[in-house]
C-alpha cells in the first residue's frame, strides 16, 4: 500500500474545501528539467495518467504551454518566509481537465473518473512511497493534502526542511532547501513511465535508471 510522505517542517493539512481558502496563485508556468545527462536535459515535465484522477510527471520534449504541462503555485496568505533566497512554501497545482487526452497515453474516458463529480479539478502534488524503495513519486491527486514545496531565487523547485537526523540526538536546524530530484523509470500501479522522482534521504537512489536533475520553473515570456 502506498503511503504519503509529508514534510515534517512544512506539512499542510487542508480542511474540507480548503483549496478555496485564501491564497495567492502564481501565473501559469511549465517545469523544465536541467541535467548533465543529455538524454533528459531541457525536457519538460508533463502530467501523465497514473490512475483514476492521478497524474505523474513524465519527461517529454520541450514545447509551448498546454493543458498538460501547465502548473500554478499556490501560497497561503500569511505564510512566513524563513529564508528570502528560498522563498515561500506552497502547493504545486495541476488542473485536471474534462474530456482531455494526454497525447497517446490516455483514453479520454480515464480522465473522467467516477469519483470526480466536477471538472476541472485542482490537484495538489504530494509524494508517495513504497517501503521497498527509497525513490518516492510526486503525484497529483484530488486530495485535501499536499506536499509543501518552494521555488528559490533561481526558480529551482525544492523542499524546505529544518530536520537533521544524521546526528544523535536529531536536531532542528536552520531551514534549508533540499533538491533531491531525479528522473527515473518508475512503476506506479502498473504504469511504467520515465518520470520525475524524489529520493528519500541524502543517499543515492537504488533505482538504477535514475538521473540527477534540477527542476526549473519557466513562465511564458
N, C-alpha and C. Protein backbone atom coordinates (compact mmCIF):
# COMPACT_ATOMS: atom_id res chain seq x y z
N UNK A 1 0.86 -1.19 0.00
CA UNK A 1 0.00 0.00 0.00
C UNK A 1 0.88 1.23 0.00
N UNK A 2 0.58 2.21 -0.86
CA UNK A 2 1.37 3.42 -0.94
C UNK A 2 1.05 4.33 0.23
N UNK A 3 2.05 5.07 0.70
CA UNK A 3 1.82 6.00 1.82
C UNK A 3 2.36 7.36 1.45
N UNK A 4 1.70 8.41 1.91
CA UNK A 4 2.10 9.77 1.57
C UNK A 4 3.28 10.18 2.43
N UNK A 5 4.23 10.92 1.83
CA UNK A 5 5.37 11.46 2.55
C UNK A 5 5.12 12.95 2.71
N UNK A 6 4.89 13.40 3.92
CA UNK A 6 4.61 14.81 4.17
C UNK A 6 5.76 15.39 4.99
N UNK A 7 6.35 16.48 4.53
CA UNK A 7 7.47 17.11 5.21
C UNK A 7 7.10 17.50 6.63
N UNK A 8 7.93 17.09 7.60
CA UNK A 8 7.65 17.44 8.99
C UNK A 8 7.79 18.93 9.22
N UNK A 9 8.58 19.59 8.39
CA UNK A 9 8.79 21.02 8.58
C UNK A 9 7.70 21.84 7.93
N UNK A 10 7.02 21.25 6.92
CA UNK A 10 6.12 22.11 6.15
C UNK A 10 4.89 21.37 5.65
N UNK A 11 4.36 20.47 6.45
CA UNK A 11 3.13 19.78 6.04
C UNK A 11 1.95 20.73 6.15
N UNK A 12 1.02 20.57 5.23
CA UNK A 12 -0.17 21.42 5.26
C UNK A 12 -1.38 20.53 5.28
N UNK A 13 -2.12 20.54 6.37
CA UNK A 13 -3.35 19.77 6.46
C UNK A 13 -4.51 20.68 6.09
N UNK A 14 -5.20 20.33 5.02
CA UNK A 14 -6.24 21.19 4.49
C UNK A 14 -7.61 20.71 4.94
N UNK A 15 -8.44 21.63 5.39
CA UNK A 15 -9.81 21.28 5.77
C UNK A 15 -10.63 21.07 4.52
N UNK A 16 -11.83 20.53 4.69
CA UNK A 16 -12.69 20.24 3.55
C UNK A 16 -12.93 21.51 2.74
N UNK A 17 -12.69 21.36 1.41
CA UNK A 17 -12.88 22.51 0.52
C UNK A 17 -11.79 23.55 0.66
N UNK A 18 -10.63 23.17 1.22
CA UNK A 18 -9.63 24.16 1.59
C UNK A 18 -8.88 24.74 0.42
N UNK A 19 -8.93 24.11 -0.77
CA UNK A 19 -8.26 24.72 -1.91
C UNK A 19 -8.93 26.04 -2.28
N UNK A 20 -10.09 26.30 -1.67
CA UNK A 20 -10.77 27.56 -1.89
C UNK A 20 -10.44 28.58 -0.80
N UNK A 21 -9.54 28.23 0.15
CA UNK A 21 -9.18 29.16 1.19
C UNK A 21 -8.37 30.31 0.59
N UNK A 22 -8.06 31.31 1.41
CA UNK A 22 -7.36 32.48 0.91
C UNK A 22 -5.92 32.13 0.56
N UNK A 23 -5.56 32.29 -0.69
CA UNK A 23 -4.21 32.01 -1.14
C UNK A 23 -3.87 32.93 -2.30
N UNK A 24 -2.58 32.99 -2.60
CA UNK A 24 -2.08 33.72 -3.75
C UNK A 24 -1.65 32.71 -4.79
N UNK A 25 -2.16 32.85 -6.00
CA UNK A 25 -1.83 31.91 -7.07
C UNK A 25 -0.92 32.59 -8.09
N UNK A 26 0.13 31.88 -8.48
CA UNK A 26 1.08 32.41 -9.45
C UNK A 26 0.50 32.39 -10.85
N UNK A 27 1.20 33.03 -11.78
CA UNK A 27 0.88 32.87 -13.19
C UNK A 27 1.20 31.42 -13.60
N UNK A 28 0.54 30.91 -14.64
CA UNK A 28 0.86 29.55 -15.12
C UNK A 28 2.32 29.46 -15.59
N UNK A 29 2.89 28.30 -15.43
CA UNK A 29 4.28 28.07 -15.83
C UNK A 29 4.46 26.61 -16.23
N UNK A 30 5.58 26.33 -16.87
CA UNK A 30 5.95 24.94 -17.14
C UNK A 30 7.18 24.59 -16.30
N UNK A 31 7.44 23.31 -16.16
CA UNK A 31 8.57 22.80 -15.39
C UNK A 31 9.56 22.15 -16.34
N UNK A 32 10.79 22.64 -16.33
CA UNK A 32 11.83 22.18 -17.24
C UNK A 32 12.92 21.46 -16.45
N UNK A 33 13.36 20.35 -16.98
CA UNK A 33 14.43 19.56 -16.35
C UNK A 33 15.78 20.05 -16.84
N UNK A 34 16.70 20.28 -15.92
CA UNK A 34 18.08 20.58 -16.26
C UNK A 34 18.97 19.50 -15.65
N UNK A 35 19.89 18.98 -16.47
CA UNK A 35 20.71 17.86 -16.03
C UNK A 35 21.99 17.79 -16.86
N UNK A 36 23.02 17.19 -16.29
CA UNK A 36 24.24 16.92 -17.07
C UNK A 36 24.02 15.74 -18.00
N UNK A 37 22.94 15.00 -17.79
CA UNK A 37 22.59 13.88 -18.67
C UNK A 37 21.83 14.42 -19.87
N UNK A 38 22.41 14.33 -21.05
CA UNK A 38 21.83 14.93 -22.25
C UNK A 38 20.50 14.29 -22.64
N UNK A 39 20.24 13.07 -22.20
CA UNK A 39 19.01 12.40 -22.59
C UNK A 39 17.77 13.03 -21.96
N UNK A 40 17.94 13.77 -20.88
CA UNK A 40 16.79 14.41 -20.22
C UNK A 40 16.94 15.93 -20.11
N UNK A 41 18.13 16.46 -20.38
CA UNK A 41 18.35 17.90 -20.23
C UNK A 41 17.44 18.72 -21.13
N UNK A 42 16.84 19.76 -20.55
CA UNK A 42 15.96 20.71 -21.24
C UNK A 42 14.62 20.11 -21.68
N UNK A 43 14.28 18.94 -21.17
CA UNK A 43 12.95 18.40 -21.44
C UNK A 43 11.97 18.96 -20.40
N UNK A 44 10.69 18.87 -20.73
CA UNK A 44 9.66 19.39 -19.83
C UNK A 44 9.00 18.24 -19.08
N UNK A 45 8.29 18.61 -18.02
CA UNK A 45 7.54 17.64 -17.24
C UNK A 45 6.06 17.81 -17.57
N UNK A 46 5.45 16.74 -18.03
CA UNK A 46 4.07 16.77 -18.47
C UNK A 46 3.24 15.80 -17.64
N UNK A 47 2.06 16.24 -17.22
CA UNK A 47 1.18 15.38 -16.44
C UNK A 47 0.78 14.16 -17.27
N UNK A 48 0.96 12.97 -16.69
CA UNK A 48 0.63 11.73 -17.38
C UNK A 48 -0.20 10.83 -16.47
N UNK A 49 -1.10 10.11 -17.07
CA UNK A 49 -2.10 9.30 -16.35
C UNK A 49 -1.44 8.18 -15.56
N UNK A 50 -1.74 8.11 -14.25
CA UNK A 50 -1.22 7.05 -13.39
C UNK A 50 -2.34 6.33 -12.63
N UNK A 51 -3.58 6.60 -13.01
CA UNK A 51 -4.72 6.01 -12.34
C UNK A 51 -5.89 6.97 -12.41
N UNK A 52 -7.02 6.58 -11.84
CA UNK A 52 -8.23 7.40 -11.89
C UNK A 52 -8.02 8.71 -11.14
N UNK A 53 -7.92 9.81 -11.88
CA UNK A 53 -7.70 11.11 -11.28
C UNK A 53 -6.31 11.31 -10.73
N UNK A 54 -5.35 10.47 -11.12
CA UNK A 54 -3.98 10.55 -10.61
C UNK A 54 -3.04 10.81 -11.78
N UNK A 55 -2.17 11.80 -11.64
CA UNK A 55 -1.18 12.13 -12.67
C UNK A 55 0.21 12.17 -12.08
N UNK A 56 1.16 11.60 -12.83
CA UNK A 56 2.57 11.74 -12.51
C UNK A 56 3.17 12.85 -13.35
N UNK A 57 4.48 12.96 -13.32
CA UNK A 57 5.20 13.99 -14.08
C UNK A 57 6.17 13.29 -15.03
N UNK A 58 5.71 13.11 -16.27
CA UNK A 58 6.51 12.40 -17.27
C UNK A 58 7.44 13.36 -18.01
N UNK A 59 8.55 12.83 -18.48
CA UNK A 59 9.53 13.61 -19.23
C UNK A 59 9.13 13.62 -20.70
N UNK A 60 9.02 14.84 -21.27
CA UNK A 60 8.65 15.00 -22.67
C UNK A 60 9.56 16.02 -23.32
N UNK A 61 9.50 16.10 -24.66
CA UNK A 61 10.28 17.11 -25.37
C UNK A 61 9.71 18.50 -25.09
N UNK A 62 10.57 19.50 -25.16
CA UNK A 62 10.18 20.87 -24.86
C UNK A 62 9.16 21.37 -25.88
N UNK A 63 8.15 22.11 -25.37
CA UNK A 63 7.12 22.69 -26.23
C UNK A 63 6.47 23.85 -25.49
N UNK A 64 5.53 24.51 -26.16
CA UNK A 64 4.83 25.61 -25.53
C UNK A 64 3.87 25.09 -24.47
N UNK A 65 3.35 26.02 -23.67
CA UNK A 65 2.42 25.63 -22.62
C UNK A 65 1.16 25.00 -23.21
N UNK A 66 0.75 23.88 -22.64
CA UNK A 66 -0.51 23.23 -22.97
C UNK A 66 -1.20 22.89 -21.66
N UNK A 67 -2.40 22.34 -21.75
CA UNK A 67 -3.11 21.98 -20.52
C UNK A 67 -2.43 20.84 -19.77
N UNK A 68 -1.50 20.15 -20.42
CA UNK A 68 -0.84 19.00 -19.79
C UNK A 68 0.51 19.35 -19.17
N UNK A 69 1.06 20.50 -19.49
CA UNK A 69 2.35 20.86 -18.90
C UNK A 69 2.28 22.22 -18.21
N UNK A 70 1.09 22.63 -17.83
CA UNK A 70 0.88 23.92 -17.18
C UNK A 70 0.56 23.70 -15.70
N UNK A 71 1.25 24.45 -14.85
CA UNK A 71 1.07 24.32 -13.40
C UNK A 71 0.97 25.72 -12.79
N UNK A 72 0.46 25.79 -11.58
CA UNK A 72 0.46 27.02 -10.81
C UNK A 72 0.98 26.72 -9.42
N UNK A 73 1.36 27.76 -8.70
CA UNK A 73 1.92 27.64 -7.36
C UNK A 73 1.05 28.46 -6.42
N UNK A 74 0.43 27.77 -5.46
CA UNK A 74 -0.45 28.43 -4.50
C UNK A 74 0.24 28.60 -3.15
N UNK A 75 0.33 29.83 -2.70
CA UNK A 75 0.87 30.10 -1.37
C UNK A 75 -0.24 30.65 -0.49
N UNK A 76 -0.33 30.16 0.72
CA UNK A 76 -1.38 30.58 1.63
C UNK A 76 -1.07 31.97 2.18
N UNK A 77 -2.09 32.79 2.29
CA UNK A 77 -1.93 34.13 2.84
C UNK A 77 -1.37 34.03 4.26
N UNK A 78 -0.39 34.88 4.55
CA UNK A 78 0.21 34.89 5.88
C UNK A 78 1.36 33.93 6.07
N UNK A 79 1.77 33.24 4.98
CA UNK A 79 2.89 32.31 5.08
C UNK A 79 4.16 33.04 5.50
N UNK A 80 4.86 32.50 6.50
CA UNK A 80 6.11 33.09 6.98
C UNK A 80 7.26 32.58 6.11
N UNK A 81 8.06 33.49 5.56
CA UNK A 81 9.21 33.12 4.73
C UNK A 81 10.44 33.04 5.62
N UNK A 82 10.96 31.84 5.80
CA UNK A 82 12.11 31.64 6.68
C UNK A 82 13.42 32.08 6.05
N UNK A 83 13.53 31.98 4.73
CA UNK A 83 14.75 32.33 4.02
C UNK A 83 14.35 33.00 2.71
N UNK A 84 14.72 34.26 2.54
CA UNK A 84 14.32 35.01 1.35
C UNK A 84 14.90 34.41 0.07
N UNK A 85 16.06 33.77 0.16
CA UNK A 85 16.64 33.14 -1.03
C UNK A 85 15.85 31.90 -1.46
N UNK A 86 15.27 31.22 -0.48
CA UNK A 86 14.46 30.04 -0.78
C UNK A 86 13.03 30.43 -1.15
N UNK A 87 12.54 31.52 -0.58
CA UNK A 87 11.18 31.97 -0.88
C UNK A 87 10.13 31.24 -0.06
N UNK A 88 8.87 31.54 -0.31
CA UNK A 88 7.78 30.92 0.45
C UNK A 88 7.53 29.49 0.01
N UNK A 89 6.89 28.73 0.88
CA UNK A 89 6.44 27.40 0.50
C UNK A 89 4.96 27.44 0.14
N UNK A 90 4.54 26.47 -0.64
CA UNK A 90 3.15 26.39 -1.05
C UNK A 90 2.88 25.08 -1.75
N UNK A 91 1.78 25.02 -2.48
CA UNK A 91 1.38 23.80 -3.16
C UNK A 91 1.56 23.94 -4.67
N UNK A 92 2.18 22.95 -5.27
CA UNK A 92 2.27 22.85 -6.72
C UNK A 92 0.97 22.22 -7.21
N UNK A 93 0.27 22.92 -8.10
CA UNK A 93 -1.08 22.53 -8.51
C UNK A 93 -1.13 22.21 -10.00
N UNK A 94 -1.80 21.11 -10.32
CA UNK A 94 -2.14 20.77 -11.71
C UNK A 94 -3.66 20.75 -11.81
N UNK A 95 -4.18 21.33 -12.87
CA UNK A 95 -5.63 21.36 -13.06
C UNK A 95 -6.04 20.28 -14.05
N UNK A 96 -6.70 19.25 -13.52
CA UNK A 96 -7.19 18.16 -14.35
C UNK A 96 -8.39 18.63 -15.15
N UNK A 97 -8.30 18.50 -16.47
CA UNK A 97 -9.35 18.97 -17.36
C UNK A 97 -10.32 17.84 -17.71
N UNK A 98 -11.54 18.20 -18.10
CA UNK A 98 -12.54 17.22 -18.53
C UNK A 98 -12.36 16.87 -20.00
N UNK A 99 -12.58 15.61 -20.31
CA UNK A 99 -12.61 15.14 -21.70
C UNK A 99 -11.36 15.51 -22.47
N UNK A 100 -10.22 15.26 -21.83
CA UNK A 100 -8.94 15.51 -22.49
C UNK A 100 -8.17 14.21 -22.59
N UNK A 101 -7.28 14.13 -23.56
CA UNK A 101 -6.36 13.01 -23.63
C UNK A 101 -4.95 13.55 -23.52
N UNK A 102 -4.08 12.75 -22.93
CA UNK A 102 -2.70 13.15 -22.73
C UNK A 102 -1.86 12.53 -23.84
N UNK A 103 -1.83 13.19 -25.00
CA UNK A 103 -1.12 12.64 -26.14
C UNK A 103 -1.74 11.30 -26.51
N UNK A 104 -0.93 10.26 -26.64
CA UNK A 104 -1.42 8.93 -26.95
C UNK A 104 -1.41 8.03 -25.71
N UNK A 105 -1.15 8.63 -24.55
CA UNK A 105 -1.01 7.82 -23.33
C UNK A 105 -2.35 7.38 -22.77
N UNK A 106 -3.38 8.25 -22.87
CA UNK A 106 -4.56 8.06 -22.06
C UNK A 106 -5.86 8.20 -22.83
N UNK A 107 -6.72 7.17 -22.81
CA UNK A 107 -8.06 7.36 -23.38
C UNK A 107 -8.80 8.43 -22.61
N UNK A 108 -9.63 9.22 -23.30
CA UNK A 108 -10.31 10.32 -22.63
C UNK A 108 -11.23 9.85 -21.52
N UNK A 109 -11.75 8.62 -21.62
CA UNK A 109 -12.64 8.12 -20.58
C UNK A 109 -11.95 8.03 -19.24
N UNK A 110 -10.63 7.84 -19.24
CA UNK A 110 -9.90 7.74 -17.99
C UNK A 110 -9.69 9.09 -17.34
N UNK A 111 -10.03 10.16 -18.07
CA UNK A 111 -9.92 11.49 -17.49
C UNK A 111 -11.23 11.96 -16.92
N UNK A 112 -12.22 11.09 -16.85
CA UNK A 112 -13.49 11.42 -16.22
C UNK A 112 -13.86 10.34 -15.21
N UNK A 113 -12.99 10.09 -14.19
CA UNK A 113 -13.26 9.04 -13.21
C UNK A 113 -14.53 9.34 -12.42
N UNK A 114 -15.19 8.26 -12.01
CA UNK A 114 -16.48 8.42 -11.35
C UNK A 114 -16.40 9.14 -10.02
N UNK A 115 -15.20 9.13 -9.41
CA UNK A 115 -15.08 9.81 -8.11
C UNK A 115 -14.87 11.31 -8.26
N UNK A 116 -14.75 11.81 -9.48
CA UNK A 116 -14.64 13.25 -9.71
C UNK A 116 -15.96 13.73 -10.31
N UNK A 117 -16.75 14.40 -9.49
CA UNK A 117 -18.06 14.84 -9.95
C UNK A 117 -18.01 16.15 -10.70
N UNK A 118 -16.95 16.92 -10.48
CA UNK A 118 -16.80 18.19 -11.18
C UNK A 118 -15.40 18.31 -11.74
N UNK A 119 -15.30 18.75 -12.98
CA UNK A 119 -14.03 19.03 -13.61
C UNK A 119 -14.12 20.40 -14.25
N UNK A 120 -13.07 21.18 -14.32
CA UNK A 120 -11.71 20.83 -13.90
C UNK A 120 -11.55 20.68 -12.39
N UNK A 121 -10.51 19.94 -12.00
CA UNK A 121 -10.23 19.67 -10.60
C UNK A 121 -8.81 20.12 -10.29
N UNK A 122 -8.65 21.02 -9.30
CA UNK A 122 -7.32 21.47 -8.90
C UNK A 122 -6.68 20.43 -8.00
N UNK A 123 -5.58 19.85 -8.47
CA UNK A 123 -4.94 18.75 -7.76
C UNK A 123 -3.57 19.17 -7.23
N UNK A 124 -3.34 19.12 -5.91
CA UNK A 124 -2.02 19.40 -5.37
C UNK A 124 -1.10 18.20 -5.51
N UNK A 125 0.19 18.47 -5.58
CA UNK A 125 1.19 17.41 -5.66
C UNK A 125 1.55 16.92 -4.27
N UNK A 126 1.72 15.62 -4.12
CA UNK A 126 2.25 15.07 -2.90
C UNK A 126 3.14 13.89 -3.24
N UNK A 127 3.99 13.48 -2.28
CA UNK A 127 4.88 12.35 -2.50
C UNK A 127 4.22 11.06 -2.05
N UNK A 128 4.43 10.01 -2.83
CA UNK A 128 4.01 8.68 -2.45
C UNK A 128 5.22 7.76 -2.45
N UNK A 129 5.29 6.90 -1.47
CA UNK A 129 6.42 5.99 -1.38
C UNK A 129 5.96 4.57 -1.19
N UNK A 130 6.84 3.66 -1.55
CA UNK A 130 6.66 2.24 -1.30
C UNK A 130 7.79 1.81 -0.38
N UNK A 131 7.55 1.00 0.65
CA UNK A 131 8.61 0.65 1.59
C UNK A 131 9.75 -0.15 0.98
N UNK A 132 9.59 -0.62 -0.25
CA UNK A 132 10.65 -1.41 -0.88
C UNK A 132 11.72 -0.56 -1.54
N UNK A 133 11.51 0.77 -1.61
CA UNK A 133 12.46 1.61 -2.34
C UNK A 133 12.64 2.95 -1.65
N UNK A 134 13.77 3.61 -1.93
CA UNK A 134 13.99 4.96 -1.41
C UNK A 134 13.63 6.02 -2.43
N UNK A 135 12.96 5.63 -3.51
CA UNK A 135 12.54 6.54 -4.57
C UNK A 135 11.04 6.79 -4.44
N UNK A 136 10.67 8.03 -4.10
CA UNK A 136 9.26 8.41 -3.97
C UNK A 136 8.79 9.08 -5.25
N UNK A 137 7.47 9.06 -5.45
CA UNK A 137 6.89 9.62 -6.67
C UNK A 137 6.07 10.86 -6.38
N UNK A 138 6.33 11.97 -7.06
CA UNK A 138 5.43 13.13 -6.99
C UNK A 138 4.19 12.84 -7.83
N UNK A 139 3.03 12.87 -7.21
CA UNK A 139 1.77 12.59 -7.91
C UNK A 139 0.74 13.67 -7.60
N UNK A 140 -0.07 13.98 -8.59
CA UNK A 140 -1.20 14.89 -8.40
C UNK A 140 -2.46 14.05 -8.20
N UNK A 141 -3.23 14.40 -7.16
CA UNK A 141 -4.46 13.68 -6.87
C UNK A 141 -5.54 14.65 -6.39
N UNK A 142 -6.81 14.29 -6.55
CA UNK A 142 -7.89 15.08 -5.96
C UNK A 142 -7.95 14.82 -4.47
N UNK A 143 -7.09 15.50 -3.72
CA UNK A 143 -6.93 15.26 -2.30
C UNK A 143 -6.99 16.56 -1.53
N UNK A 144 -7.08 16.47 -0.21
CA UNK A 144 -7.11 17.66 0.63
C UNK A 144 -5.78 17.92 1.31
N UNK A 145 -4.77 17.15 0.95
CA UNK A 145 -3.43 17.39 1.49
C UNK A 145 -2.45 17.50 0.34
N UNK A 146 -1.34 18.14 0.59
CA UNK A 146 -0.31 18.27 -0.43
C UNK A 146 1.04 18.50 0.20
N UNK A 147 2.08 18.18 -0.56
CA UNK A 147 3.45 18.38 -0.10
C UNK A 147 3.85 19.84 -0.31
N UNK A 148 4.28 20.49 0.74
CA UNK A 148 4.76 21.86 0.63
C UNK A 148 6.10 21.87 -0.10
N UNK A 149 6.21 22.73 -1.11
CA UNK A 149 7.44 22.90 -1.88
C UNK A 149 7.70 24.40 -2.03
N UNK A 150 8.83 24.73 -2.61
CA UNK A 150 9.17 26.12 -2.84
C UNK A 150 9.94 26.30 -4.13
N UNK A 151 10.06 27.55 -4.58
CA UNK A 151 10.90 27.91 -5.72
C UNK A 151 11.87 28.98 -5.23
N UNK A 152 13.17 28.71 -5.37
CA UNK A 152 14.15 29.67 -4.88
C UNK A 152 14.33 30.82 -5.88
N UNK A 153 15.31 31.69 -5.63
CA UNK A 153 15.51 32.86 -6.49
C UNK A 153 15.93 32.49 -7.90
N UNK A 154 16.42 31.27 -8.09
CA UNK A 154 16.77 30.78 -9.42
C UNK A 154 15.62 29.96 -10.03
N UNK A 155 14.45 30.02 -9.36
CA UNK A 155 13.26 29.28 -9.80
C UNK A 155 13.44 27.77 -9.77
N UNK A 156 14.31 27.29 -8.90
CA UNK A 156 14.54 25.86 -8.75
C UNK A 156 13.58 25.30 -7.70
N UNK A 157 12.89 24.24 -8.08
CA UNK A 157 11.93 23.57 -7.20
C UNK A 157 12.67 22.82 -6.09
N UNK A 158 12.18 22.97 -4.86
CA UNK A 158 12.84 22.32 -3.73
C UNK A 158 11.83 22.05 -2.62
N UNK A 159 12.26 21.32 -1.64
CA UNK A 159 11.51 21.09 -0.41
C UNK A 159 12.30 21.68 0.74
N UNK A 160 11.65 22.42 1.61
CA UNK A 160 12.34 23.03 2.74
C UNK A 160 12.18 22.16 3.99
N UNK A 161 13.26 22.07 4.76
CA UNK A 161 13.23 21.28 5.99
C UNK A 161 14.24 21.84 6.98
N UNK A 162 13.92 21.68 8.26
CA UNK A 162 14.86 22.08 9.31
C UNK A 162 15.33 20.88 10.12
N UNK A 163 14.92 19.66 9.74
CA UNK A 163 15.28 18.46 10.50
C UNK A 163 16.65 17.95 10.10
N UNK A 164 17.45 17.59 11.10
CA UNK A 164 18.72 16.90 10.86
C UNK A 164 18.75 15.68 11.77
N UNK A 165 18.47 14.51 11.19
CA UNK A 165 18.51 13.29 11.99
C UNK A 165 19.73 12.45 11.70
N UNK A 166 20.76 13.09 11.10
CA UNK A 166 22.03 12.38 10.87
C UNK A 166 22.94 12.50 12.08
N UNK A 167 22.48 13.17 13.14
CA UNK A 167 23.25 13.32 14.37
C UNK A 167 22.44 12.74 15.52
N UNK A 168 23.13 12.51 16.63
CA UNK A 168 22.49 11.97 17.82
C UNK A 168 22.67 12.95 18.97
N UNK A 169 21.57 13.53 19.48
CA UNK A 169 20.18 13.31 19.07
C UNK A 169 19.83 14.12 17.83
N UNK A 170 18.75 13.76 17.13
CA UNK A 170 18.30 14.56 15.99
C UNK A 170 18.01 15.99 16.43
N UNK A 171 18.30 16.94 15.56
CA UNK A 171 18.15 18.34 15.92
C UNK A 171 17.31 19.09 14.89
N UNK A 172 16.85 20.25 15.29
CA UNK A 172 16.18 21.17 14.38
C UNK A 172 17.18 22.28 14.05
N UNK A 173 17.46 22.48 12.78
CA UNK A 173 18.47 23.43 12.34
C UNK A 173 17.82 24.56 11.55
N UNK A 174 18.65 25.45 11.03
CA UNK A 174 18.15 26.48 10.14
C UNK A 174 17.50 25.84 8.91
N UNK A 175 16.39 26.40 8.46
CA UNK A 175 15.70 25.86 7.30
C UNK A 175 16.63 25.85 6.09
N UNK A 176 16.65 24.74 5.39
CA UNK A 176 17.47 24.61 4.19
C UNK A 176 16.63 24.02 3.07
N UNK A 177 17.07 24.26 1.84
CA UNK A 177 16.37 23.72 0.69
C UNK A 177 16.97 22.40 0.26
N UNK A 178 16.12 21.42 0.01
CA UNK A 178 16.55 20.11 -0.45
C UNK A 178 16.18 19.97 -1.93
N UNK A 179 17.13 19.46 -2.72
CA UNK A 179 16.95 19.37 -4.17
C UNK A 179 17.23 17.92 -4.60
N UNK A 180 16.46 17.01 -4.11
CA UNK A 180 16.72 15.59 -4.32
C UNK A 180 15.88 15.03 -5.47
N UNK A 181 15.87 15.77 -6.57
CA UNK A 181 15.07 15.38 -7.73
C UNK A 181 15.88 14.51 -8.68
N UNK A 182 15.21 13.52 -9.23
CA UNK A 182 15.79 12.63 -10.23
C UNK A 182 14.73 12.35 -11.29
N UNK A 183 15.18 11.93 -12.46
CA UNK A 183 14.29 11.36 -13.46
C UNK A 183 14.61 9.87 -13.53
N UNK A 184 13.58 9.04 -13.34
CA UNK A 184 13.77 7.59 -13.27
C UNK A 184 12.67 6.89 -14.06
N UNK A 185 12.95 5.68 -14.47
CA UNK A 185 11.89 4.83 -14.99
C UNK A 185 11.16 4.25 -13.78
N UNK A 186 9.87 4.58 -13.66
CA UNK A 186 9.11 4.21 -12.46
C UNK A 186 7.91 3.35 -12.82
N UNK A 187 7.42 2.65 -11.80
CA UNK A 187 6.24 1.79 -11.97
C UNK A 187 5.29 2.08 -10.82
N UNK A 188 4.19 2.76 -11.14
CA UNK A 188 3.16 3.03 -10.15
C UNK A 188 1.89 2.34 -10.58
N UNK A 189 1.48 1.33 -9.82
CA UNK A 189 0.24 0.59 -10.11
C UNK A 189 0.20 0.07 -11.54
N UNK A 190 1.37 -0.34 -12.06
CA UNK A 190 1.43 -0.90 -13.40
C UNK A 190 1.70 0.09 -14.51
N UNK A 191 1.70 1.40 -14.20
CA UNK A 191 2.01 2.42 -15.20
C UNK A 191 3.52 2.67 -15.18
N UNK A 192 4.18 2.32 -16.27
CA UNK A 192 5.64 2.44 -16.34
C UNK A 192 5.99 3.59 -17.28
N UNK A 193 6.58 4.64 -16.71
CA UNK A 193 7.00 5.81 -17.48
C UNK A 193 8.38 6.25 -16.99
N UNK A 194 8.96 7.18 -17.73
CA UNK A 194 10.13 7.91 -17.24
C UNK A 194 9.59 9.19 -16.60
N UNK A 195 9.70 9.28 -15.27
CA UNK A 195 9.04 10.35 -14.54
C UNK A 195 9.99 11.04 -13.57
N UNK A 196 9.53 12.17 -13.09
CA UNK A 196 10.22 12.84 -12.00
C UNK A 196 10.07 12.00 -10.74
N UNK A 197 11.12 11.97 -9.93
CA UNK A 197 11.11 11.21 -8.69
C UNK A 197 11.86 12.00 -7.62
N UNK A 198 11.64 11.60 -6.38
CA UNK A 198 12.30 12.23 -5.22
C UNK A 198 12.97 11.13 -4.40
N UNK A 199 14.25 11.32 -4.08
CA UNK A 199 14.96 10.31 -3.29
C UNK A 199 14.87 10.65 -1.82
N UNK A 200 14.44 9.67 -1.04
CA UNK A 200 14.31 9.84 0.41
C UNK A 200 15.69 9.74 1.06
N UNK A 201 16.03 10.73 1.86
CA UNK A 201 17.34 10.75 2.50
C UNK A 201 18.40 11.32 1.58
N UNK A 202 19.65 11.37 2.07
CA UNK A 202 20.71 12.01 1.30
C UNK A 202 21.60 11.01 0.56
N UNK A 203 21.14 9.75 0.44
CA UNK A 203 21.89 8.75 -0.29
C UNK A 203 21.53 8.71 -1.76
N UNK A 204 22.12 7.77 -2.48
CA UNK A 204 21.83 7.61 -3.90
C UNK A 204 20.55 6.80 -4.09
N UNK A 205 19.83 7.04 -5.20
CA UNK A 205 18.64 6.24 -5.47
C UNK A 205 19.04 4.80 -5.76
N UNK A 206 18.23 3.86 -5.25
CA UNK A 206 18.54 2.46 -5.53
C UNK A 206 18.00 2.02 -6.89
N UNK A 207 17.15 2.82 -7.49
CA UNK A 207 16.67 2.56 -8.84
C UNK A 207 17.81 2.88 -9.82
N UNK A 208 18.32 1.90 -10.57
CA UNK A 208 19.50 2.12 -11.42
C UNK A 208 19.24 3.01 -12.62
N UNK A 209 17.98 3.33 -12.93
CA UNK A 209 17.69 4.17 -14.09
C UNK A 209 17.70 5.66 -13.77
N UNK A 210 17.87 6.01 -12.50
CA UNK A 210 17.70 7.41 -12.08
C UNK A 210 18.84 8.30 -12.56
N UNK A 211 18.48 9.52 -13.00
CA UNK A 211 19.43 10.53 -13.44
C UNK A 211 19.19 11.79 -12.61
N UNK A 212 20.24 12.38 -12.05
CA UNK A 212 20.10 13.56 -11.21
C UNK A 212 19.67 14.76 -12.05
N UNK A 213 18.70 15.52 -11.53
CA UNK A 213 18.19 16.68 -12.27
C UNK A 213 17.87 17.81 -11.31
N UNK A 214 17.75 19.00 -11.86
CA UNK A 214 17.09 20.13 -11.21
C UNK A 214 15.79 20.39 -11.96
N UNK A 215 14.81 20.93 -11.26
CA UNK A 215 13.52 21.25 -11.87
C UNK A 215 13.34 22.76 -11.83
N UNK A 216 13.21 23.38 -12.98
CA UNK A 216 13.19 24.83 -13.11
C UNK A 216 11.81 25.29 -13.55
N UNK A 217 11.30 26.31 -12.86
CA UNK A 217 10.04 26.93 -13.26
C UNK A 217 10.30 27.95 -14.35
N UNK A 218 9.53 27.87 -15.44
CA UNK A 218 9.66 28.82 -16.53
C UNK A 218 8.29 29.40 -16.88
N UNK A 219 8.18 30.72 -16.79
CA UNK A 219 6.97 31.42 -17.19
C UNK A 219 7.05 31.75 -18.68
N UNK A 220 5.89 31.90 -19.29
CA UNK A 220 5.85 32.35 -20.68
C UNK A 220 6.37 33.77 -20.75
N UNK A 221 7.09 34.12 -21.79
CA UNK A 221 7.62 35.47 -21.96
C UNK A 221 6.49 36.46 -22.19
